[in-house]
Amino acid sequence: MTQGYRKIPGNKCYGGVQLDPVKKPCNGLAFLKSLGNLKGIIIIALIAAVIYYGWPVIEAILLMLPIPDPRESIEKVKGLAGSATGAIGGLIPSGGSS
């Protein structure tokens, strides 16, 4: 993380204020820490307000979408799986010996 300054190549100065870049470890909480500023709090509040007050509109849009009923697809897959199981079962010889 830079501090806004850089040392010019060839500079012979030693000591004084250390303005070199600082290395900081990254962790999983970095995103949450970045939301801690005022801008992040305002964005979260706006998103929450849109979802809370706009839910009837969102729900109406979801109801209008042409989403197919999954029951028909599930029954079709079950039928295909049953017929495939029967076909494979007919090809495998029984394990009993005479």
PDB file of N, CA and C in Angstrom:
ATOM      1  N   MET A   1       0.859  -1.164   0.000  1.00  0.00           N
ATOM      2  CA  MET A   1       0.000   0.000   0.000  1.00  0.00           C
ATOM      3  C   MET A   1       0.910   1.234   0.000  1.00  0.00           C
ATOM      4  N   THR A   2       0.748   2.042  -1.016  1.00  0.00           N
ATOM      5  CA  THR A   2       1.599   3.220  -1.128  1.00  0.00           C
ATOM      6  C   THR A   2       1.132   4.315  -0.160  1.00  0.00           C
ATOM      7  N   GLN A   3       2.081   5.149   0.233  1.00  0.00           N
ATOM      8  CA  GLN A   3       1.759   6.273   1.109  1.00  0.00           C
ATOM      9  C   GLN A   3       1.738   7.581   0.324  1.00  0.00           C
ATOM     10  N   GLY A   4       1.798   7.481  -0.998  1.00  0.00           N
ATOM     11  CA  GLY A   4       1.715   8.667  -1.829  1.00  0.00           C
ATOM     12  C   GLY A   4       3.055   9.269  -2.196  1.00  0.00           C
ATOM     13  N   TYR A   5       4.146   8.662  -1.763  1.00  0.00           N
ATOM     14  CA  TYR A   5       5.472   9.187  -2.065  1.00  0.00           C
ATOM     15  C   TYR A   5       6.321   8.066  -2.641  1.00  0.00           C
ATOM     16  N   ARG A   6       7.372   8.452  -3.388  1.00  0.00           N
ATOM     17  CA  ARG A   6       8.325   7.463  -3.870  1.00  0.00           C
ATOM     18  C   ARG A   6       9.716   8.078  -3.829  1.00  0.00           C
ATOM     19  N   LYS A   7      10.696   7.216  -3.651  1.00  0.00           N
ATOM     20  CA  LYS A   7      12.075   7.674  -3.616  1.00  0.00           C
ATOM     21  C   LYS A   7      12.599   7.750  -5.037  1.00  0.00           C
ATOM     22  N   ILE A   8      13.192   8.844  -5.392  1.00  0.00           N
ATOM     23  CA  ILE A   8      13.729   9.044  -6.732  1.00  0.00           C
ATOM     24  C   ILE A   8      15.031   8.252  -6.852  1.00  0.00           C
ATOM     25  N   PRO A   9      15.189   7.490  -7.958  1.00  0.00           N
ATOM     26  CA  PRO A   9      16.439   6.733  -8.139  1.00  0.00           C
ATOM     27  C   PRO A   9      17.651   7.672  -8.094  1.00  0.00           C
ATOM     28  N   GLY A  10      18.681   7.253  -7.387  1.00  0.00           N
ATOM     29  CA  GLY A  10      19.888   8.066  -7.278  1.00  0.00           C
ATOM     30  C   GLY A  10      19.891   8.969  -6.056  1.00  0.00           C
ATOM     31  N   ASN A  11      18.788   9.013  -5.294  1.00  0.00           N
ATOM     32  CA  ASN A  11      18.701   9.837  -4.109  1.00  0.00           C
ATOM     33  C   ASN A  11      19.586   9.223  -3.028  1.00  0.00           C
ATOM     34  N   LYS A  12      20.458  10.004  -2.411  1.00  0.00           N
ATOM     35  CA  LYS A  12      21.409   9.506  -1.416  1.00  0.00           C
ATOM     36  C   LYS A  12      20.969   9.797   0.016  1.00  0.00           C
ATOM     37  N   CYS A  13      19.737  10.234   0.219  1.00  0.00           N
ATOM     38  CA  CYS A  13      19.271  10.562   1.571  1.00  0.00           C
ATOM     39  C   CYS A  13      19.079   9.304   2.397  1.00  0.00           C
ATOM     40  N   TYR A  14      19.449   9.391   3.682  1.00  0.00           N
ATOM     41  CA  TYR A  14      19.252   8.289   4.612  1.00  0.00           C
ATOM     42  C   TYR A  14      18.602   8.827   5.876  1.00  0.00           C
ATOM     43  N   GLY A  15      17.790   7.953   6.529  1.00  0.00           N
ATOM     44  CA  GLY A  15      17.140   8.377   7.760  1.00  0.00           C
ATOM     45  C   GLY A  15      15.940   9.252   7.459  1.00  0.00           C
ATOM     46  N   GLY A  16      15.500  10.005   8.428  1.00  0.00           N
ATOM     47  CA  GLY A  16      14.353  10.879   8.235  1.00  0.00           C
ATOM     48  C   GLY A  16      13.045  10.104   8.287  1.00  0.00           C
ATOM     49  N   VAL A  17      12.004  10.663   7.735  1.00  0.00           N
ATOM     50  CA  VAL A  17      10.677  10.061   7.738  1.00  0.00           C
ATOM     51  C   VAL A  17      10.637   8.933   6.713  1.00  0.00           C
ATOM     52  N   GLN A  18      10.148   7.772   7.116  1.00  0.00           N
ATOM     53  CA  GLN A  18      10.039   6.625   6.220  1.00  0.00           C
ATOM     54  C   GLN A  18       8.697   6.683   5.492  1.00  0.00           C
ATOM     55  N   LEU A  19       8.729   6.979   4.193  1.00  0.00           N
ATOM     56  CA  LEU A  19       7.516   7.073   3.398  1.00  0.00           C
ATOM     57  C   LEU A  19       7.443   5.974   2.346  1.00  0.00           C
ATOM     58  N   ASP A  20       8.200   4.896   2.580  1.00  0.00           N
ATOM     59  CA  ASP A  20       8.173   3.767   1.659  1.00  0.00           C
ATOM     60  C   ASP A  20       6.804   3.088   1.711  1.00  0.00           C
ATOM     61  N   PRO A  21       6.436   2.356   0.628  1.00  0.00           N
ATOM     62  CA  PRO A  21       5.168   1.623   0.665  1.00  0.00           C
ATOM     63  C   PRO A  21       5.144   0.607   1.814  1.00  0.00           C
ATOM     64  N   VAL A  22       3.960   0.395   2.373  1.00  0.00           N
ATOM     65  CA  VAL A  22       3.782  -0.514   3.500  1.00  0.00           C
ATOM     66  C   VAL A  22       3.047  -1.754   3.008  1.00  0.00           C
ATOM     67  N   LYS A  23       3.543  -2.935   3.384  1.00  0.00           N
ATOM     68  CA  LYS A  23       2.872  -4.185   3.023  1.00  0.00           C
ATOM     69  C   LYS A  23       1.917  -4.573   4.141  1.00  0.00           C
ATOM     70  N   LYS A  24       0.669  -4.827   3.761  1.00  0.00           N
ATOM     71  CA  LYS A  24      -0.334  -5.268   4.721  1.00  0.00           C
ATOM     72  C   LYS A  24      -0.921  -6.574   4.218  1.00  0.00           C
ATOM     73  N   PRO A  25      -1.123  -7.546   5.117  1.00  0.00           N
ATOM     74  CA  PRO A  25      -1.689  -8.827   4.677  1.00  0.00           C
ATOM     75  C   PRO A  25      -3.163  -8.683   4.315  1.00  0.00           C
ATOM     76  N   CYS A  26      -3.571  -9.409   3.282  1.00  0.00           N
ATOM     77  CA  CYS A  26      -4.978  -9.424   2.899  1.00  0.00           C
ATOM     78  C   CYS A  26      -5.670 -10.544   3.665  1.00  0.00           C
ATOM     79  N   ASN A  27      -6.910 -10.328   4.021  1.00  0.00           N
ATOM     80  CA  ASN A  27      -7.677 -11.380   4.688  1.00  0.00           C
ATOM     81  C   ASN A  27      -9.099 -11.368   4.162  1.00  0.00           C
ATOM     82  N   GLY A  28      -9.890 -12.310   4.612  1.00  0.00           N
ATOM     83  CA  GLY A  28     -11.265 -12.441   4.139  1.00  0.00           C
ATOM     84  C   GLY A  28     -12.166 -11.317   4.611  1.00  0.00           C
ATOM     85  N   LEU A  29     -11.762 -10.585   5.621  1.00  0.00           N
ATOM     86  CA  LEU A  29     -12.600  -9.507   6.146  1.00  0.00           C
ATOM     87  C   LEU A  29     -12.338  -8.172   5.458  1.00  0.00           C
ATOM     88  N   ALA A  30     -11.457  -8.160   4.465  1.00  0.00           N
ATOM     89  CA  ALA A  30     -11.126  -6.906   3.790  1.00  0.00           C
ATOM     90  C   ALA A  30     -12.354  -6.297   3.134  1.00  0.00           C
ATOM     91  N   PHE A  31     -13.211  -7.148   2.533  1.00  0.00           N
ATOM     92  CA  PHE A  31     -14.427  -6.623   1.902  1.00  0.00           C
ATOM     93  C   PHE A  31     -15.344  -5.997   2.933  1.00  0.00           C
ATOM     94  N   LEU A  32     -15.512  -6.657   4.076  1.00  0.00           N
ATOM     95  CA  LEU A  32     -16.390  -6.113   5.115  1.00  0.00           C
ATOM     96  C   LEU A  32     -15.828  -4.814   5.689  1.00  0.00           C
ATOM     97  N   LYS A  33     -14.515  -4.744   5.803  1.00  0.00           N
ATOM     98  CA  LYS A  33     -13.908  -3.512   6.301  1.00  0.00           C
ATOM     99  C   LYS A  33     -14.101  -2.365   5.316  1.00  0.00           C
ATOM    100  N   SER A  34     -14.079  -2.679   4.019  1.00  0.00           N
ATOM    101  CA  SER A  34     -14.258  -1.628   3.022  1.00  0.00           C
ATOM    102  C   SER A  34     -15.682  -1.084   3.032  1.00  0.00           C
ATOM    103  N   LEU A  35     -16.640  -1.910   3.467  1.00  0.00           N
ATOM    104  CA  LEU A  35     -18.018  -1.437   3.559  1.00  0.00           C
ATOM    105  C   LEU A  35     -18.257  -0.597   4.806  1.00  0.00           C
ATOM    106  N   GLY A  36     -17.287  -0.550   5.689  1.00  0.00           N
ATOM    107  CA  GLY A  36     -17.437   0.190   6.933  1.00  0.00           C
ATOM    108  C   GLY A  36     -17.415   1.692   6.756  1.00  0.00           C
ATOM    109  N   ASN A  37     -16.986   2.187   5.617  1.00  0.00           N
ATOM    110  CA  ASN A  37     -16.973   3.633   5.432  1.00  0.00           C
ATOM    111  C   ASN A  37     -18.389   4.140   5.120  1.00  0.00           C
ATOM    112  N   LEU A  38     -18.561   5.413   5.092  1.00  0.00           N
ATOM    113  CA  LEU A  38     -19.884   6.015   4.904  1.00  0.00           C
ATOM    114  C   LEU A  38     -20.491   5.656   3.556  1.00  0.00           C
ATOM    115  N   LYS A  39     -19.690   5.623   2.513  1.00  0.00           N
ATOM    116  CA  LYS A  39     -20.191   5.301   1.178  1.00  0.00           C
ATOM    117  C   LYS A  39     -20.750   3.876   1.140  1.00  0.00           C
ATOM    118  N   GLY A  40     -20.057   2.935   1.760  1.00  0.00           N
ATOM    119  CA  GLY A  40     -20.528   1.553   1.802  1.00  0.00           C
ATOM    120  C   GLY A  40     -21.827   1.411   2.572  1.00  0.00           C
ATOM    121  N   ILE A  41     -21.931   2.109   3.676  1.00  0.00           N
ATOM    122  CA  ILE A  41     -23.160   2.057   4.484  1.00  0.00           C
ATOM    123  C   ILE A  41     -24.335   2.625   3.692  1.00  0.00           C
ATOM    124  N   ILE A  42     -24.118   3.702   2.964  1.00  0.00           N
ATOM    125  CA  ILE A  42     -25.195   4.303   2.171  1.00  0.00           C
ATOM    126  C   ILE A  42     -25.625   3.355   1.059  1.00  0.00           C
ATOM    127  N   ILE A  43     -24.675   2.696   0.399  1.00  0.00           N
ATOM    128  CA  ILE A  43     -25.011   1.755  -0.673  1.00  0.00           C
ATOM    129  C   ILE A  43     -25.820   0.589  -0.126  1.00  0.00           C
ATOM    130  N   ILE A  44     -25.410   0.042   1.012  1.00  0.00           N
ATOM    131  CA  ILE A  44     -26.153  -1.072   1.620  1.00  0.00           C
ATOM    132  C   ILE A  44     -27.558  -0.630   2.006  1.00  0.00           C
ATOM    133  N   ALA A  45     -27.696   0.566   2.561  1.00  0.00           N
ATOM    134  CA  ALA A  45     -29.015   1.071   2.939  1.00  0.00           C
ATOM    135  C   ALA A  45     -29.912   1.257   1.716  1.00  0.00           C
ATOM    136  N   LEU A  46     -29.353   1.757   0.608  1.00  0.00           N
ATOM    137  CA  LEU A  46     -30.139   1.937  -0.616  1.00  0.00           C
ATOM    138  C   LEU A  46     -30.594   0.598  -1.188  1.00  0.00           C
ATOM    139  N   ILE A  47     -29.704  -0.394  -1.196  1.00  0.00           N
ATOM    140  CA  ILE A  47     -30.078  -1.715  -1.697  1.00  0.00           C
ATOM    141  C   ILE A  47     -31.170  -2.322  -0.834  1.00  0.00           C
ATOM    142  N   ALA A  48     -31.029  -2.203   0.488  1.00  0.00           N
ATOM    143  CA  ALA A  48     -32.044  -2.743   1.395  1.00  0.00           C
ATOM    144  C   ALA A  48     -33.390  -2.041   1.189  1.00  0.00           C
ATOM    145  N   ALA A  49     -33.382  -0.728   0.988  1.00  0.00           N
ATOM    146  CA  ALA A  49     -34.631   0.016   0.784  1.00  0.00           C
ATOM    147  C   ALA A  49     -35.298  -0.378  -0.526  1.00  0.00           C
ATOM    148  N   VAL A  50     -34.498  -0.551  -1.587  1.00  0.00           N
ATOM    149  CA  VAL A  50     -35.062  -0.951  -2.880  1.00  0.00           C
ATOM    150  C   VAL A  50     -35.695  -2.332  -2.774  1.00  0.00           C
ATOM    151  N   ILE A  51     -35.015  -3.252  -2.098  1.00  0.00           N
ATOM    152  CA  ILE A  51     -35.572  -4.599  -1.956  1.00  0.00           C
ATOM    153  C   ILE A  51     -36.821  -4.573  -1.075  1.00  0.00           C
ATOM    154  N   TYR A  52     -36.785  -3.831   0.028  1.00  0.00           N
ATOM    155  CA  TYR A  52     -37.929  -3.808   0.956  1.00  0.00           C
ATOM    156  C   TYR A  52     -39.156  -3.139   0.329  1.00  0.00           C
ATOM    157  N   TYR A  53     -38.972  -1.933  -0.194  1.00  0.00           N
ATOM    158  CA  TYR A  53     -40.115  -1.199  -0.733  1.00  0.00           C
ATOM    159  C   TYR A  53     -40.475  -1.621  -2.153  1.00  0.00           C
ATOM    160  N   GLY A  54     -39.538  -2.195  -2.873  1.00  0.00           N
ATOM    161  CA  GLY A  54     -39.813  -2.594  -4.242  1.00  0.00           C
ATOM    162  C   GLY A  54     -40.200  -4.055  -4.384  1.00  0.00           C
ATOM    163  N   TRP A  55     -40.342  -4.782  -3.264  1.00  0.00           N
ATOM    164  CA  TRP A  55     -40.644  -6.206  -3.349  1.00  0.00           C
ATOM    165  C   TRP A  55     -41.940  -6.503  -4.092  1.00  0.00           C
ATOM    166  N   PRO A  56     -43.040  -5.755  -3.896  1.00  0.00           N
ATOM    167  CA  PRO A  56     -44.260  -6.052  -4.663  1.00  0.00           C
ATOM    168  C   PRO A  56     -44.031  -5.984  -6.173  1.00  0.00           C
ATOM    169  N   VAL A  57     -43.221  -5.042  -6.627  1.00  0.00           N
ATOM    170  CA  VAL A  57     -42.929  -4.921  -8.050  1.00  0.00           C
ATOM    171  C   VAL A  57     -42.069  -6.104  -8.505  1.00  0.00           C
ATOM    172  N   ILE A  58     -41.058  -6.447  -7.705  1.00  0.00           N
ATOM    173  CA  ILE A  58     -40.199  -7.584  -8.038  1.00  0.00           C
ATOM    174  C   ILE A  58     -41.016  -8.866  -8.096  1.00  0.00           C
ATOM    175  N   GLU A  59     -41.914  -9.056  -7.133  1.00  0.00           N
ATOM    176  CA  GLU A  59     -42.751 -10.253  -7.094  1.00  0.00           C
ATOM    177  C   GLU A  59     -43.686 -10.310  -8.304  1.00  0.00           C
ATOM    178  N   ALA A  60     -44.246  -9.174  -8.703  1.00  0.00           N
ATOM    179  CA  ALA A  60     -45.125  -9.140  -9.869  1.00  0.00           C
ATOM    180  C   ALA A  60     -44.362  -9.500 -11.144  1.00  0.00           C
ATOM    181  N   ILE A  61     -43.138  -9.032 -11.259  1.00  0.00           N
ATOM    182  CA  ILE A  61     -42.316  -9.365 -12.426  1.00  0.00           C
ATOM    183  C   ILE A  61     -42.012 -10.853 -12.441  1.00  0.00           C
ATOM    184  N   LEU A  62     -41.670 -11.420 -11.283  1.00  0.00           N
ATOM    185  CA  LEU A  62     -41.374 -12.852 -11.209  1.00  0.00           C
ATOM    186  C   LEU A  62     -42.593 -13.691 -11.569  1.00  0.00           C
ATOM    187  N   LEU A  63     -43.780 -13.246 -11.188  1.00  0.00           N
ATOM    188  CA  LEU A  63     -44.996 -13.995 -11.497  1.00  0.00           C
ATOM    189  C   LEU A  63     -45.331 -13.941 -12.984  1.00  0.00           C
ATOM    190  N   MET A  64     -44.917 -12.880 -13.663  1.00  0.00           N
ATOM    191  CA  MET A  64     -45.213 -12.739 -15.087  1.00  0.00           C
ATOM    192  C   MET A  64     -44.238 -13.517 -15.966  1.00  0.00           C
ATOM    193  N   LEU A  65     -43.092 -13.920 -15.426  1.00  0.00           N
ATOM    194  CA  LEU A  65     -42.098 -14.637 -16.224  1.00  0.00           C
ATOM    195  C   LEU A  65     -42.617 -16.016 -16.611  1.00  0.00           C
ATOM    196  N   PRO A  66     -42.318 -16.459 -17.831  1.00  0.00           N
ATOM    197  CA  PRO A  66     -42.799 -17.776 -18.280  1.00  0.00           C
ATOM    198  C   PRO A  66     -41.913 -18.908 -17.765  1.00  0.00           C
ATOM    199  N   ILE A  67     -42.019 -19.195 -16.475  1.00  0.00           N
ATOM    200  CA  ILE A  67     -41.230 -20.254 -15.860  1.00  0.00           C
ATOM    201  C   ILE A  67     -42.036 -21.550 -15.955  1.00  0.00           C
ATOM    202  N   PRO A  68     -41.488 -22.605 -16.599  1.00  0.00           N
ATOM    203  CA  PRO A  68     -42.243 -23.847 -16.757  1.00  0.00           C
ATOM    204  C   PRO A  68     -42.402 -24.583 -15.425  1.00  0.00           C
ATOM    205  N   ASP A  69     -43.474 -25.411 -15.360  1.00  0.00           N
ATOM    206  CA  ASP A  69     -43.731 -26.210 -14.174  1.00  0.00           C
ATOM    207  C   ASP A  69     -42.758 -27.387 -14.160  1.00  0.00           C
ATOM    208  N   PRO A  70     -41.988 -27.579 -13.101  1.00  0.00           N
ATOM    209  CA  PRO A  70     -40.971 -28.635 -13.102  1.00  0.00           C
ATOM    210  C   PRO A  70     -41.544 -30.040 -12.922  1.00  0.00           C
ATOM    211  N   ARG A  71     -42.814 -30.178 -12.530  1.00  0.00           N
ATOM    212  CA  ARG A  71     -43.381 -31.504 -12.280  1.00  0.00           C
ATOM    213  C   ARG A  71     -43.365 -32.366 -13.541  1.00  0.00           C
ATOM    214  N   GLU A  72     -43.690 -31.776 -14.679  1.00  0.00           N
ATOM    215  CA  GLU A  72     -43.695 -32.533 -15.934  1.00  0.00           C
ATOM    216  C   GLU A  72     -42.298 -33.032 -16.275  1.00  0.00           C
ATOM    217  N   SER A  73     -41.312 -32.189 -16.119  1.00  0.00           N
ATOM    218  CA  SER A  73     -39.927 -32.580 -16.418  1.00  0.00           C
ATOM    219  C   SER A  73     -39.454 -33.671 -15.474  1.00  0.00           C
ATOM    220  N   ILE A  74     -39.828 -33.575 -14.203  1.00  0.00           N
ATOM    221  CA  ILE A  74     -39.415 -34.586 -13.225  1.00  0.00           C
ATOM    222  C   ILE A  74     -40.018 -35.936 -13.576  1.00  0.00           C
ATOM    223  N   GLU A  75     -41.295 -35.956 -13.933  1.00  0.00           N
ATOM    224  CA  GLU A  75     -41.943 -37.215 -14.293  1.00  0.00           C
ATOM    225  C   GLU A  75     -41.320 -37.817 -15.553  1.00  0.00           C
ATOM    226  N   LYS A  76     -40.972 -36.968 -16.517  1.00  0.00           N
ATOM    227  CA  LYS A  76     -40.348 -37.448 -17.754  1.00  0.00           C
ATOM    228  C   LYS A  76     -38.987 -38.085 -17.452  1.00  0.00           C
ATOM    229  N   VAL A  77     -38.193 -37.446 -16.596  1.00  0.00           N
ATOM    230  CA  VAL A  77     -36.872 -37.971 -16.236  1.00  0.00           C
ATOM    231  C   VAL A  77     -37.021 -39.285 -15.470  1.00  0.00           C
ATOM    232  N   LYS A  78     -38.006 -39.362 -14.569  1.00  0.00           N
ATOM    233  CA  LYS A  78     -38.230 -40.603 -13.822  1.00  0.00           C
ATOM    234  C   LYS A  78     -38.605 -41.741 -14.771  1.00  0.00           C
ATOM    235  N   GLY A  79     -39.439 -41.454 -15.754  1.00  0.00           N
ATOM    236  CA  GLY A  79     -39.828 -42.472 -16.728  1.00  0.00           C
ATOM    237  C   GLY A  79     -38.643 -42.956 -17.553  1.00  0.00           C
ATOM    238  N   LEU A  80     -37.798 -42.020 -18.002  1.00  0.00           N
ATOM    239  CA  LEU A  80     -36.610 -42.392 -18.777  1.00  0.00           C
ATOM    240  C   LEU A  80     -35.627 -43.194 -17.928  1.00  0.00           C
ATOM    241  N   ALA A  81     -35.476 -42.810 -16.670  1.00  0.00           N
ATOM    242  CA  ALA A  81     -34.561 -43.538 -15.787  1.00  0.00           C
ATOM    243  C   ALA A  81     -35.081 -44.949 -15.528  1.00  0.00           C
ATOM    244  N   GLY A  82     -36.392 -45.101 -15.362  1.00  0.00           N
ATOM    245  CA  GLY A  82     -36.961 -46.429 -15.143  1.00  0.00           C
ATOM    246  C   GLY A  82     -36.795 -47.329 -16.354  1.00  0.00           C
ATOM    247  N   SER A  83     -37.017 -46.787 -17.542  1.00  0.00           N
ATOM    248  CA  SER A  83     -36.860 -47.606 -18.747  1.00  0.00           C
ATOM    249  C   SER A  83     -35.388 -47.951 -18.983  1.00  0.00           C
ATOM    250  N   ALA A  84     -34.468 -47.027 -18.679  1.00  0.00           N
ATOM    251  CA  ALA A  84     -33.040 -47.308 -18.824  1.00  0.00           C
ATOM    252  C   ALA A  84     -32.612 -48.379 -17.829  1.00  0.00           C
ATOM    253  N   THR A  85     -33.143 -48.325 -16.605  1.00  0.00           N
ATOM    254  CA  THR A  85     -32.811 -49.339 -15.603  1.00  0.00           C
ATOM    255  C   THR A  85     -33.307 -50.706 -16.043  1.00  0.00           C
ATOM    256  N   GLY A  86     -34.518 -50.751 -16.600  1.00  0.00           N
ATOM    257  CA  GLY A  86     -35.057 -52.029 -17.092  1.00  0.00           C
ATOM    258  C   GLY A  86     -34.248 -52.573 -18.244  1.00  0.00           C
ATOM    259  N   ALA A  87     -33.821 -51.725 -19.168  1.00  0.00           N
ATOM    260  CA  ALA A  87     -33.036 -52.172 -20.320  1.00  0.00           C
ATOM    261  C   ALA A  87     -31.658 -52.695 -19.879  1.00  0.00           C
ATOM    262  N   ILE A  88     -31.035 -51.996 -18.962  1.00  0.00           N
ATOM    263  CA  ILE A  88     -29.724 -52.454 -18.477  1.00  0.00           C
ATOM    264  C   ILE A  88     -29.873 -53.720 -17.666  1.00  0.00           C
ATOM    265  N   GLY A  89     -30.935 -53.822 -16.876  1.00  0.00           N
ATOM    266  CA  GLY A  89     -31.172 -55.026 -16.084  1.00  0.00           C
ATOM    267  C   GLY A  89     -31.399 -56.248 -16.966  1.00  0.00           C
ATOM    268  N   GLY A  90     -31.980 -56.077 -18.143  1.00  0.00           N
ATOM    269  CA  GLY A  90     -32.203 -57.180 -19.060  1.00  0.00           C
ATOM    270  C   GLY A  90     -30.918 -57.640 -19.728  1.00  0.00           C
ATOM    271  N   LEU A  91     -29.921 -56.761 -19.825  1.00  0.00           N
ATOM    272  CA  LEU A  91     -28.658 -57.123 -20.472  1.00  0.00           C
ATOM    273  C   LEU A  91     -27.694 -57.846 -19.523  1.00  0.00           C
ATOM    274  N   ILE A  92     -27.838 -57.619 -18.227  1.00  0.00           N
ATOM    275  CA  ILE A  92     -26.933 -58.218 -17.258  1.00  0.00           C
ATOM    276  C   ILE A  92     -27.469 -59.600 -16.888  1.00  0.00           C
ATOM    277  N   PRO A  93     -26.653 -60.649 -17.065  1.00  0.00           N
ATOM    278  CA  PRO A  93     -27.103 -61.994 -16.703  1.00  0.00           C
ATOM    279  C   PRO A  93     -27.245 -62.131 -15.183  1.00  0.00           C
ATOM    280  N   SER A  94     -28.155 -62.979 -14.761  1.00  0.00           N
ATOM    281  CA  SER A  94     -28.352 -63.174 -13.323  1.00  0.00           C
ATOM    282  C   SER A  94     -27.172 -63.898 -12.745  1.00  0.00           C
ATOM    283  N   GLY A  95     -26.892 -63.681 -11.466  1.00  0.00           N
ATOM    284  CA  GLY A  95     -25.711 -64.236 -10.825  1.00  0.00           C
ATOM    285  C   GLY A  95     -25.897 -65.666 -10.346  1.00  0.00           C
ATOM    286  N   GLY A  96     -27.094 -66.245 -10.395  1.00  0.00           N
ATOM    287  CA  GLY A  96     -27.337 -67.602  -9.891  1.00  0.00           C
ATOM    288  C   GLY A  96     -26.811 -68.648 -10.854  1.00  0.00           C
ATOM    289  N   SER A  97     -26.274 -69.776 -10.344  1.00  0.00           N
ATOM    290  CA  SER A  97     -25.782 -70.846 -11.207  1.00  0.00           C
ATOM    291  C   SER A  97     -26.693 -72.057 -11.055  1.00  0.00           C
ATOM    292  N   SER A  98     -26.834 -72.856 -12.142  1.00  0.00           N
ATOM    293  CA  SER A  98     -27.730 -74.007 -12.109  1.00  0.00           C
ATOM    294  C   SER A  98     -26.992 -75.284 -11.887  1.00  0.00           C
TER     295      SER A  98
END
